[in-house]
Amino acid sequence: MIKFILYPFSILFGIITGIRNRLYDLGLLKSEEFDVPVISVGNITAGGTGKTPHVEYLAGLLKDKFEVAALSRGYKRKTKGYIEVQADSKVTTVGDEPLQIKKKFQEVVVAVCENRVTGVEKILSPQNAKTPDVVILDDAFQHRRISPGMNILLIDYNRQLNKDTLLPAGRLRESSKQIKRANVIIFTKCSGEITPIMRRIMQKEVRLKPYQELYFTTLDYDKITPVFSGDELHDDFFGSKNFAVLVVTGIASPVLIYKYIEKFSSQVETLKFPDHHHYSEKDINAMFSKFENIKSEKKIIVTTEKDTMHFKSIGNLPEEFKKSLYYLPVKVKFLNDSDNLFNKKILNYVGENKSNRELRKRKNKGQS
């Protein structure tokens, strides 16, 4: 019933986004190009496709060979304008995902700015100590004011686009026809290896063009890790079903985490908060009360790596809560042994464009 009521607004939304995209296609709205390789990572649905793990994959792939910068909007931060993220930045100042990336890759320049053009310009400013060889744009598929050299589109394998509709009745940010703008399409959160038949079905669903490449990834969870000073429980937890678990999440789609934890615990309780949630004292009291009411000698709280950015910024947490709090690291794994092909494509794109950029600089210097 609610979807039926919202459907006219989805039609209006589709008209507005369609006109906007058409104006960019015709060149009536300008897209900026930069003299540095730019890789955009984004999605066509609202939330939950695994953008941050894929940005981290790219940063980890590129950081040893190139100077890397990552630019994000810094969603739900309580500040405005351009800010360069430091490892000790506050989550309210820069946002949880940029802070997570910076803590993991301190050699990478991470910045936030709601105006992506301004953000890239400031990152490339000659005044900076480091001039990046490549800029990764987080969540920028709809941000057409910048024309990236590599446009990577993420699609949740478990949410079929042809059964979805535009916002607000559905979760599509724009028409699925705009998939044509992507150079690389990645189906994320797959449950296992992809058969040739399934690959052909997915190719048909996205109407794969000759200039596009298709990949499939899954989320690979690592051992649970103490957020503060809890005991290392890796072998004890994964080797038995003796632990009761309270799973606390502030992400768009936590279902896969629930399913993963249920493999190792026969008693799983959950508390789901909105994506990018800033936890209040009331929230902490509610989750600690629920945790205390779990009847088990062995019990822990498990959260996400993104949520730890929030918990670490909260003072005066109960010591028992801190000792019981763990997070579940996650990383991207390419399926069907396609990681080498993907890695080569990315490294070649950045390397070739870096070389061309240096040649142009030497040529211009020689002419002057």
Protein backbone atom coordinates (compact mmCIF):
# COMPACT_ATOMS: atom_id res chain seq x y z
CA MET A 1 0.00 0.00 0.00
CA ILE A 2 2.79 2.43 0.93
CA LYS A 3 4.64 1.66 -2.33
CA PHE A 4 1.43 2.34 -4.28
CA ILE A 5 1.09 5.75 -2.59
CA LEU A 6 4.75 6.61 -3.25
CA TYR A 7 4.78 5.42 -6.88
CA PRO A 8 3.74 8.83 -8.39
CA PHE A 9 6.69 10.43 -6.58
CA SER A 10 8.96 7.78 -8.10
CA ILE A 11 7.70 8.75 -11.56
CA LEU A 12 8.48 12.41 -10.82
CA PHE A 13 11.90 11.44 -9.46
CA GLY A 14 12.58 9.44 -12.63
CA ILE A 15 11.67 12.41 -14.82
CA ILE A 16 13.98 14.74 -12.89
CA THR A 17 16.97 12.37 -12.87
CA GLY A 18 16.34 11.46 -16.50
CA ILE A 19 16.42 15.12 -17.60
CA ARG A 20 19.55 15.73 -15.53
CA ASN A 21 21.38 12.77 -17.09
CA ARG A 22 20.28 13.81 -20.56
CA LEU A 23 21.67 17.32 -20.05
CA TYR A 24 25.02 15.84 -19.05
CA ASP A 25 24.95 13.45 -22.03
CA LEU A 26 24.36 16.39 -24.39
CA GLY A 27 27.10 18.46 -22.76
CA LEU A 28 24.66 21.16 -21.64
CA LEU A 29 25.73 20.47 -18.06
CA LYS A 30 29.50 20.41 -17.69
CA SER A 31 31.56 17.51 -16.32
CA GLU A 32 35.04 18.30 -15.04
CA GLU A 33 38.04 16.23 -16.11
CA PHE A 34 41.29 16.21 -14.16
CA ASP A 35 44.88 15.64 -15.20
CA VAL A 36 45.14 12.62 -12.93
CA PRO A 37 43.53 9.16 -13.07
CA VAL A 38 40.16 9.23 -11.30
CA ILE A 39 38.36 6.02 -10.28
CA SER A 40 34.73 6.32 -9.21
CA VAL A 41 33.14 3.62 -7.04
CA GLY A 42 29.37 3.82 -6.66
CA ASN A 43 26.03 2.12 -6.91
CA ILE A 44 22.65 2.57 -8.52
CA THR A 45 20.65 1.52 -5.46
CA ALA A 46 20.46 3.25 -2.09
CA GLY A 47 22.99 1.77 0.35
CA GLY A 48 24.28 -1.66 1.18
CA THR A 49 26.37 -2.73 -1.83
CA GLY A 50 29.74 -2.78 -0.06
CA LYS A 51 31.31 0.42 -1.38
CA THR A 52 33.77 0.91 1.47
CA PRO A 53 35.32 -2.61 1.28
CA HIS A 54 35.76 -2.12 -2.48
CA VAL A 55 37.37 1.30 -2.00
CA GLU A 56 39.68 -0.30 0.56
CA TYR A 57 40.50 -3.06 -1.93
CA LEU A 58 41.52 -0.45 -4.51
CA ALA A 59 43.56 1.51 -1.95
CA GLY A 60 45.35 -1.65 -0.85
CA LEU A 61 46.03 -2.62 -4.45
CA LEU A 62 47.43 0.75 -5.49
CA LYS A 63 49.20 2.11 -2.40
CA ASP A 64 52.53 0.28 -2.85
CA LYS A 65 53.06 1.53 -6.42
CA PHE A 66 51.35 4.90 -6.46
CA GLU A 67 50.48 7.90 -4.31
CA VAL A 68 46.78 7.36 -3.61
CA ALA A 69 44.04 9.74 -2.47
CA ALA A 70 40.45 8.86 -1.57
CA LEU A 71 37.64 11.41 -1.52
CA SER A 72 34.28 10.91 0.18
CA ARG A 73 31.32 13.06 0.99
CA GLY A 74 31.66 12.11 4.65
CA TYR A 75 28.01 11.14 5.03
CA LYS A 76 26.33 12.18 8.32
CA ARG A 77 29.36 14.09 9.58
CA LYS A 78 28.49 17.21 11.53
CA THR A 79 30.76 19.53 9.58
CA LYS A 80 30.86 21.15 6.15
CA GLY A 81 33.50 21.82 3.53
CA TYR A 82 36.84 20.21 2.74
CA ILE A 83 38.63 18.36 5.55
CA GLU A 84 41.62 16.06 5.28
CA VAL A 85 41.10 13.02 7.49
CA GLN A 86 43.69 12.12 10.12
CA ALA A 87 43.93 8.84 11.99
CA ASP A 88 42.88 10.65 15.18
CA SER A 89 40.04 12.64 13.58
CA LYS A 90 36.63 12.54 15.26
CA VAL A 91 33.91 10.52 13.59
CA THR A 92 31.51 13.47 13.89
CA THR A 93 34.02 15.65 12.01
CA VAL A 94 34.84 13.40 9.03
CA GLY A 95 32.33 10.53 9.03
CA ASP A 96 32.75 6.86 9.87
CA GLU A 97 33.78 5.35 6.52
CA PRO A 98 36.52 7.91 5.67
CA LEU A 99 37.92 7.50 9.18
CA GLN A 100 37.89 3.71 8.80
CA ILE A 101 39.81 3.96 5.51
CA LYS A 102 42.38 6.34 7.01
CA LYS A 103 43.01 4.16 10.07
CA LYS A 104 43.58 1.17 7.79
CA PHE A 105 45.75 2.98 5.20
CA GLN A 106 47.56 5.84 6.91
CA GLU A 107 49.82 6.39 3.87
CA VAL A 108 46.75 7.21 1.75
CA VAL A 109 45.44 10.78 1.63
CA VAL A 110 41.78 10.61 2.69
CA ALA A 111 39.57 13.70 2.47
CA VAL A 112 35.90 14.61 2.74
CA CYS A 113 34.04 17.28 0.83
CA GLU A 114 30.38 17.48 -0.22
CA ASN A 115 31.48 19.27 -3.41
CA ARG A 116 33.55 16.62 -5.19
CA VAL A 117 35.02 19.05 -7.75
CA THR A 118 36.27 21.31 -4.97
CA GLY A 119 37.53 18.26 -3.09
CA VAL A 120 39.63 16.97 -6.00
CA GLU A 121 40.98 20.47 -6.70
CA LYS A 122 42.15 20.80 -3.10
CA ILE A 123 43.68 17.31 -3.11
CA LEU A 124 45.63 18.24 -6.26
CA SER A 125 46.72 21.62 -4.91
CA PRO A 126 50.46 22.26 -5.45
CA GLN A 127 50.64 23.37 -1.81
CA ASN A 128 50.16 19.78 -0.61
CA ALA A 129 53.23 17.77 0.36
CA LYS A 130 52.03 14.81 -1.74
CA THR A 131 50.61 14.98 -5.25
CA PRO A 132 48.50 11.85 -5.78
CA ASP A 133 48.90 9.65 -8.83
CA VAL A 134 45.26 8.54 -8.57
CA VAL A 135 42.09 9.74 -6.85
CA ILE A 136 39.42 7.26 -5.74
CA LEU A 137 35.92 8.75 -5.48
CA ASP A 138 33.69 7.00 -2.95
CA ASP A 139 29.95 6.82 -3.79
CA ALA A 140 30.17 9.00 -6.88
CA PHE A 141 28.27 7.19 -9.66
CA GLN A 142 25.51 9.83 -9.61
CA HIS A 143 28.00 12.69 -9.15
CA ARG A 144 28.31 13.63 -12.80
CA ARG A 145 30.07 16.95 -12.24
CA ILE A 146 33.25 14.88 -12.45
CA SER A 147 33.99 12.66 -15.43
CA PRO A 148 36.06 9.74 -14.08
CA GLY A 149 38.45 7.78 -16.24
CA MET A 150 37.25 4.55 -14.62
CA ASN A 151 33.65 4.20 -13.48
CA ILE A 152 33.03 1.15 -11.26
CA LEU A 153 29.40 0.29 -10.53
CA LEU A 154 28.49 -2.05 -7.67
CA ILE A 155 25.25 -4.04 -7.68
CA ASP A 156 24.03 -6.24 -4.82
CA TYR A 157 23.77 -9.76 -6.25
CA ASN A 158 20.84 -10.47 -3.91
CA ARG A 159 18.69 -7.54 -5.04
CA GLN A 160 17.53 -7.83 -8.63
CA LEU A 161 17.37 -4.49 -10.41
CA ASN A 162 14.53 -5.55 -12.71
CA LYS A 163 12.33 -6.10 -9.64
CA ASP A 164 13.13 -2.73 -8.09
CA THR A 165 11.81 0.74 -8.78
CA LEU A 166 12.95 4.31 -8.33
CA LEU A 167 13.05 6.17 -5.03
CA PRO A 168 11.04 6.70 -2.89
CA ALA A 169 8.84 3.68 -3.70
CA GLY A 170 11.92 1.54 -4.38
CA ARG A 171 15.68 1.82 -3.88
CA LEU A 172 16.93 2.88 -7.32
CA ARG A 173 18.74 6.22 -7.35
CA GLU A 174 18.23 6.54 -11.11
CA SER A 175 17.05 4.44 -14.04
CA SER A 176 18.85 1.12 -14.44
CA LYS A 177 19.51 2.20 -18.05
CA GLN A 178 22.28 4.39 -16.64
CA ILE A 179 24.36 1.24 -16.08
CA LYS A 180 25.67 2.08 -19.54
CA ARG A 181 27.94 4.73 -17.95
CA ALA A 182 29.98 2.10 -16.10
CA ASN A 183 33.29 0.73 -17.39
CA VAL A 184 33.31 -2.04 -14.78
CA ILE A 185 30.26 -3.71 -13.21
CA ILE A 186 30.69 -5.76 -10.04
CA PHE A 187 27.98 -7.93 -8.53
CA THR A 188 28.73 -7.89 -4.81
CA LYS A 189 27.81 -10.07 -1.82
CA CYS A 190 27.64 -13.26 -3.88
CA SER A 191 27.20 -16.47 -1.89
CA GLY A 192 29.60 -18.63 -3.90
CA GLU A 193 31.35 -19.23 -7.21
CA ILE A 194 29.40 -18.11 -10.29
CA THR A 195 28.50 -20.74 -12.88
CA PRO A 196 28.72 -19.92 -16.62
CA ILE A 197 24.91 -20.06 -16.85
CA MET A 198 24.48 -17.62 -13.97
CA ARG A 199 27.07 -15.30 -15.48
CA ARG A 200 25.11 -15.20 -18.75
CA ILE A 201 21.92 -14.41 -16.81
CA MET A 202 23.64 -11.52 -15.03
CA GLN A 203 25.11 -10.23 -18.30
CA LYS A 204 21.61 -10.15 -19.72
CA GLU A 205 20.19 -8.41 -16.65
CA VAL A 206 22.64 -5.49 -16.94
CA ARG A 207 22.63 -5.54 -20.76
CA LEU A 208 26.43 -5.79 -20.75
CA LYS A 209 28.05 -3.68 -23.47
CA PRO A 210 31.24 -4.62 -25.38
CA TYR A 211 33.17 -1.86 -23.58
CA GLN A 212 32.14 -3.12 -20.13
CA GLU A 213 33.68 -5.82 -17.94
CA LEU A 214 31.75 -7.89 -15.42
CA TYR A 215 33.07 -9.24 -12.10
CA PHE A 216 31.64 -10.97 -9.04
CA THR A 217 32.79 -10.52 -5.44
CA THR A 218 31.89 -11.76 -2.00
CA LEU A 219 32.54 -10.40 1.48
CA ASP A 220 35.20 -12.39 3.29
CA TYR A 221 35.04 -12.07 7.09
CA ASP A 222 38.19 -12.24 9.20
CA LYS A 223 38.57 -13.21 12.87
CA ILE A 224 36.63 -11.26 15.47
CA THR A 225 38.84 -8.59 17.04
CA PRO A 226 38.53 -6.71 20.36
CA VAL A 227 37.42 -3.10 19.90
CA PHE A 228 39.15 -2.12 23.14
CA SER A 229 40.96 -4.59 25.38
CA GLY A 230 38.97 -7.81 25.30
CA ASP A 231 40.53 -11.26 25.14
CA GLU A 232 41.52 -12.84 21.82
CA LEU A 233 38.69 -15.31 21.18
CA HIS A 234 39.34 -16.43 17.61
CA ASP A 235 39.96 -20.15 18.20
CA ASP A 236 37.58 -20.44 21.15
CA PHE A 237 34.72 -18.70 19.32
CA PHE A 238 35.04 -20.29 15.89
CA GLY A 239 35.84 -23.72 17.30
CA SER A 240 32.57 -24.13 19.19
CA LYS A 241 29.02 -22.85 19.58
CA ASN A 242 29.48 -22.02 23.26
CA PHE A 243 29.20 -18.24 22.92
CA ALA A 244 25.97 -16.28 22.92
CA VAL A 245 26.25 -13.19 20.72
CA LEU A 246 24.55 -9.82 20.60
CA VAL A 247 25.10 -8.38 17.11
CA VAL A 248 24.90 -4.57 17.02
CA THR A 249 24.93 -2.87 13.61
CA GLY A 250 24.52 0.60 12.16
CA ILE A 251 24.81 -0.38 8.50
CA ALA A 252 22.30 -0.52 5.64
CA SER A 253 22.15 -4.29 5.23
CA PRO A 254 23.36 -6.48 8.14
CA VAL A 255 21.69 -9.75 7.08
CA LEU A 256 24.93 -11.36 5.86
CA ILE A 257 26.60 -10.66 9.22
CA TYR A 258 23.70 -12.32 11.04
CA LYS A 259 23.97 -15.40 8.84
CA TYR A 260 27.73 -15.57 9.33
CA ILE A 261 27.58 -15.31 13.13
CA GLU A 262 24.79 -17.90 13.27
CA LYS A 263 27.25 -20.47 11.91
CA PHE A 264 29.26 -20.19 15.13
CA SER A 265 26.62 -19.43 17.76
CA SER A 266 23.36 -21.13 18.67
CA GLN A 267 22.13 -18.02 20.48
CA VAL A 268 22.20 -14.81 18.45
CA GLU A 269 20.40 -11.61 19.46
CA THR A 270 20.39 -8.52 17.24
CA LEU A 271 20.07 -4.76 17.55
CA LYS A 272 19.81 -2.89 14.25
CA PHE A 273 20.33 0.87 14.04
CA PRO A 274 20.17 3.14 10.96
CA ASP A 275 23.17 3.34 8.63
CA HIS A 276 25.96 5.66 9.90
CA HIS A 277 24.23 5.86 13.28
CA HIS A 278 25.74 8.09 15.99
CA TYR A 279 25.17 6.14 19.22
CA SER A 280 23.64 8.03 22.15
CA GLU A 281 23.86 7.24 25.85
CA LYS A 282 20.32 5.87 25.58
CA ASP A 283 21.43 3.50 22.79
CA ILE A 284 24.39 2.27 24.85
CA ASN A 285 22.17 1.62 27.86
CA ALA A 286 19.65 -0.26 25.71
CA MET A 287 22.25 -2.56 24.14
CA PHE A 288 24.05 -3.15 27.44
CA SER A 289 20.73 -4.00 29.13
CA LYS A 290 19.90 -6.47 26.35
CA PHE A 291 23.39 -7.94 26.63
CA GLU A 292 23.08 -8.40 30.41
CA ASN A 293 19.75 -10.21 29.97
CA ILE A 294 21.31 -12.88 27.73
CA LYS A 295 21.46 -16.07 29.78
CA SER A 296 24.87 -17.53 29.02
CA GLU A 297 28.18 -17.91 30.86
CA LYS A 298 30.04 -17.02 27.66
CA LYS A 299 28.69 -14.05 25.73
CA ILE A 300 30.08 -11.22 23.61
CA ILE A 301 28.88 -8.23 21.58
CA VAL A 302 29.88 -8.21 17.90
CA THR A 303 29.67 -5.09 15.76
CA THR A 304 31.00 -3.92 12.39
CA GLU A 305 34.31 -2.26 11.66
CA LYS A 306 32.44 0.89 10.64
CA ASP A 307 30.54 1.00 13.93
CA THR A 308 33.78 0.77 15.91
CA MET A 309 34.61 4.27 14.64
CA HIS A 310 31.59 5.48 16.63
CA PHE A 311 32.15 3.38 19.75
CA LYS A 312 35.78 4.48 20.05
CA SER A 313 34.68 8.11 20.07
CA ILE A 314 32.33 7.63 23.02
CA GLY A 315 33.67 8.37 26.48
CA ASN A 316 32.61 6.74 29.75
CA LEU A 317 31.52 3.43 28.29
CA PRO A 318 30.93 0.76 30.98
CA GLU A 319 34.11 -1.29 31.42
CA GLU A 320 32.19 -4.57 31.16
CA PHE A 321 30.71 -3.35 27.87
CA LYS A 322 34.15 -2.46 26.53
CA LYS A 323 35.61 -5.84 27.50
CA SER A 324 32.74 -7.61 25.74
CA LEU A 325 32.83 -5.59 22.49
CA TYR A 326 34.34 -7.11 19.34
CA TYR A 327 34.17 -6.25 15.65
CA LEU A 328 34.13 -8.38 12.54
CA PRO A 329 36.64 -7.22 9.90
CA VAL A 330 35.54 -7.68 6.31
CA LYS A 331 37.34 -7.58 2.97
CA VAL A 332 36.49 -8.13 -0.68
CA LYS A 333 37.22 -11.40 -2.42
CA PHE A 334 36.88 -11.75 -6.19
CA LEU A 335 35.23 -14.97 -7.35
CA ASN A 336 36.19 -17.35 -10.14
CA ASP A 337 39.87 -16.36 -9.86
CA SER A 338 39.12 -13.02 -11.54
CA ASP A 339 41.16 -10.87 -9.15
CA ASN A 340 44.28 -10.99 -11.34
CA LEU A 341 42.34 -9.73 -14.35
CA PHE A 342 40.71 -6.93 -12.33
CA ASN A 343 44.00 -5.95 -10.66
CA LYS A 344 45.76 -5.77 -14.01
CA LYS A 345 43.04 -3.55 -15.45
CA ILE A 346 43.26 -1.08 -12.56
CA LEU A 347 47.06 -1.02 -12.36
CA ASN A 348 47.39 -0.57 -16.13
CA TYR A 349 44.86 2.28 -16.15
CA VAL A 350 46.64 4.19 -13.39
CA GLY A 351 50.14 3.40 -14.64
CA GLU A 352 49.49 4.40 -18.26
CA ASN A 353 47.74 7.63 -17.31
CA LYS A 354 50.47 8.51 -14.83
CA SER A 355 53.09 8.01 -17.57
CA ASN A 356 51.13 10.13 -20.06
CA ARG A 357 50.74 12.85 -17.45
CA GLU A 358 54.51 12.92 -16.77
CA LEU A 359 55.29 13.02 -20.50
CA ARG A 360 52.96 16.00 -20.96
CA LYS A 361 54.59 17.79 -18.04
CA ARG A 362 58.09 17.26 -19.47
CA LYS A 363 56.91 18.37 -22.90
CA ASN A 364 55.27 21.52 -21.57
CA LYS A 365 58.37 22.29 -19.47
CA GLY A 366 60.59 21.88 -22.51
CA GLN A 367 58.41 24.21 -24.61
CA SER A 368 58.50 26.86 -21.90
